[in-house]
Protein backbone atom coordinates (compact mmCIF):
# COMPACT_ATOMS: atom_id res chain seq x y z
CA UNK A 1 1.30 19.91 9.98
CA UNK A 2 3.10 22.42 8.46
CA UNK A 3 5.40 21.75 5.29
CA UNK A 4 8.81 24.48 5.18
CA UNK A 5 9.85 22.64 1.52
CA UNK A 6 8.08 22.62 -1.76
CA UNK A 7 9.31 19.63 -4.17
CA UNK A 8 7.10 16.95 -4.99
CA UNK A 9 9.27 13.60 -6.38
CA UNK A 10 7.47 11.17 -8.79
CA UNK A 11 9.56 8.33 -9.59
CA UNK A 12 9.37 5.45 -12.50
CA UNK A 13 11.43 2.65 -12.42
CA UNK A 14 10.72 -0.44 -13.94
CA UNK A 15 9.83 -3.66 -12.27
CA UNK A 16 12.31 -5.49 -13.95
CA UNK A 17 15.26 -3.39 -12.40
CA UNK A 18 18.08 -4.69 -10.21
CA UNK A 19 18.10 -4.17 -6.76
CA UNK A 20 21.60 -1.93 -7.57
CA UNK A 21 19.97 -0.02 -9.79
CA UNK A 22 16.98 0.51 -7.54
CA UNK A 23 19.15 2.06 -5.03
CA UNK A 24 20.96 4.67 -7.45
CA UNK A 25 17.41 6.07 -8.06
CA UNK A 26 16.40 6.25 -4.58
CA UNK A 27 19.69 8.22 -3.65
CA UNK A 28 18.70 10.09 -6.28
CA UNK A 29 15.46 11.65 -4.58
CA UNK A 30 15.93 15.48 -3.69
CA UNK A 31 16.69 16.09 -0.16
CA UNK A 32 13.70 18.64 -0.23
CA UNK A 33 10.93 16.90 -1.14
CA UNK A 34 7.86 17.02 0.71
CA UNK A 35 5.49 14.53 -1.40
CA UNK A 36 7.36 11.28 -2.70
CA UNK A 37 5.47 9.21 -5.01
CA UNK A 38 6.58 5.87 -5.95
CA UNK A 39 4.77 2.61 -7.19
CA UNK A 40 6.99 0.03 -4.41
CA UNK A 41 6.21 0.74 -0.97
CA UNK A 42 9.31 1.12 1.63
CA UNK A 43 9.86 -2.00 3.84
CA UNK A 44 7.58 -2.09 6.60
CA UNK A 45 5.07 0.07 5.71
CA UNK A 46 1.93 -0.95 4.32
CA UNK A 47 3.92 -3.83 2.27
CA UNK A 48 2.77 -7.02 3.41
CA UNK A 49 1.52 -9.46 1.27
CA UNK A 50 0.46 -13.03 2.92
CA UNK A 51 3.75 -13.47 5.27
CA UNK A 52 5.82 -11.88 2.83
CA UNK A 53 6.77 -8.15 2.94
CA UNK A 54 7.44 -6.91 -0.69
CA UNK A 55 8.50 -3.08 0.36
CA UNK A 56 12.73 -2.07 -0.69
CA UNK A 57 15.09 -1.38 2.21
CA UNK A 58 16.77 1.12 -0.03
CA UNK A 59 13.53 2.88 -0.68
CA UNK A 60 13.24 2.83 3.11
CA UNK A 61 16.35 3.98 3.62
CA UNK A 62 15.44 6.47 1.09
CA UNK A 63 12.51 7.57 3.21
CA UNK A 64 14.35 7.79 6.25
CA UNK A 65 16.99 10.26 5.19
CA UNK A 66 14.45 13.22 3.19
CA UNK A 67 11.56 12.85 5.80
CA UNK A 68 9.17 13.71 3.37
CA UNK A 69 5.62 15.11 4.47
CA UNK A 70 4.11 12.57 2.72
CA UNK A 71 5.30 9.16 0.74
CA UNK A 72 2.36 7.72 -1.87
CA UNK A 73 2.89 4.56 -3.06
CA UNK A 74 0.75 1.55 -4.31
CA UNK A 75 2.01 -1.78 -5.27
CA UNK A 76 0.53 -4.50 -2.79
CA UNK A 77 -2.81 -3.93 -2.76
CA UNK A 78 -3.96 -5.95 -0.06
CA UNK A 79 -2.77 -2.90 2.17
CA UNK A 80 -4.41 -0.09 1.35
CA UNK A 81 -4.51 2.50 3.72
CA UNK A 82 -2.34 5.10 5.69
CA UNK A 83 0.18 4.95 8.30
CA UNK A 84 2.61 7.47 10.12
CA UNK A 85 6.47 6.96 11.47
CA UNK A 86 5.84 10.73 12.94
CA UNK A 87 7.89 12.50 10.26
CA UNK A 88 5.99 10.63 7.09
CA UNK A 89 2.75 9.80 6.43
CA UNK A 90 2.77 6.61 3.98
CA UNK A 91 -0.35 6.01 1.95
CA UNK A 92 -1.01 2.84 0.29
CA UNK A 93 -3.53 4.00 -2.80
CA UNK A 94 -3.82 1.07 -4.47
CA UNK A 95 -7.75 0.78 -5.25
CA UNK A 96 -7.84 -2.51 -7.04
CA UNK A 97 -8.02 -6.51 -5.85
CA UNK A 98 -5.78 -8.98 -7.72
CA UNK A 99 -8.11 -9.24 -10.23
CA UNK A 100 -8.01 -5.39 -11.14
CA UNK A 101 -11.46 -4.82 -10.04
CA UNK A 102 -12.00 -1.43 -8.03
CA UNK A 103 -12.51 -2.46 -4.41
CA UNK A 104 -11.61 0.64 -2.12
CA UNK A 105 -12.42 3.86 -2.35
CA UNK A 106 -9.67 6.62 -2.94
CA UNK A 107 -7.74 8.25 -0.20
CA UNK A 108 -7.97 11.97 -0.19
CA UNK A 109 -5.86 14.36 1.96
CA UNK A 110 -4.98 17.84 1.62
CA UNK A 111 -1.45 19.90 1.70
CA UNK A 112 -1.83 22.80 3.79
CA UNK A 113 -0.88 25.58 1.50
CA UNK A 114 2.17 27.89 3.09
CA UNK A 115 1.53 31.32 4.15
């Protein structure tokens, strides 16, 4: 995968923020972001907890808009792993179980250098 851009966005948002506040935060993510790091997953990607989806719909819209090479998040500990939609590799890097005991190994990946 060849990365043409060089921006990394890390968003720290309170888990108590209202959905309208979150939507505004996601809209502020720069279009040239290569690596997006959030706590929350986007809706539909490694966000399933039991029968529920815990991902954020507005965050999904942002990921679809900016198409970062990587979106790294956690929050849903049971969904540790990687998925891709062809544009973005989604990485749920959560390592702990509900009791905060480390249960999985770190996910290691490499971002290719630009020529």
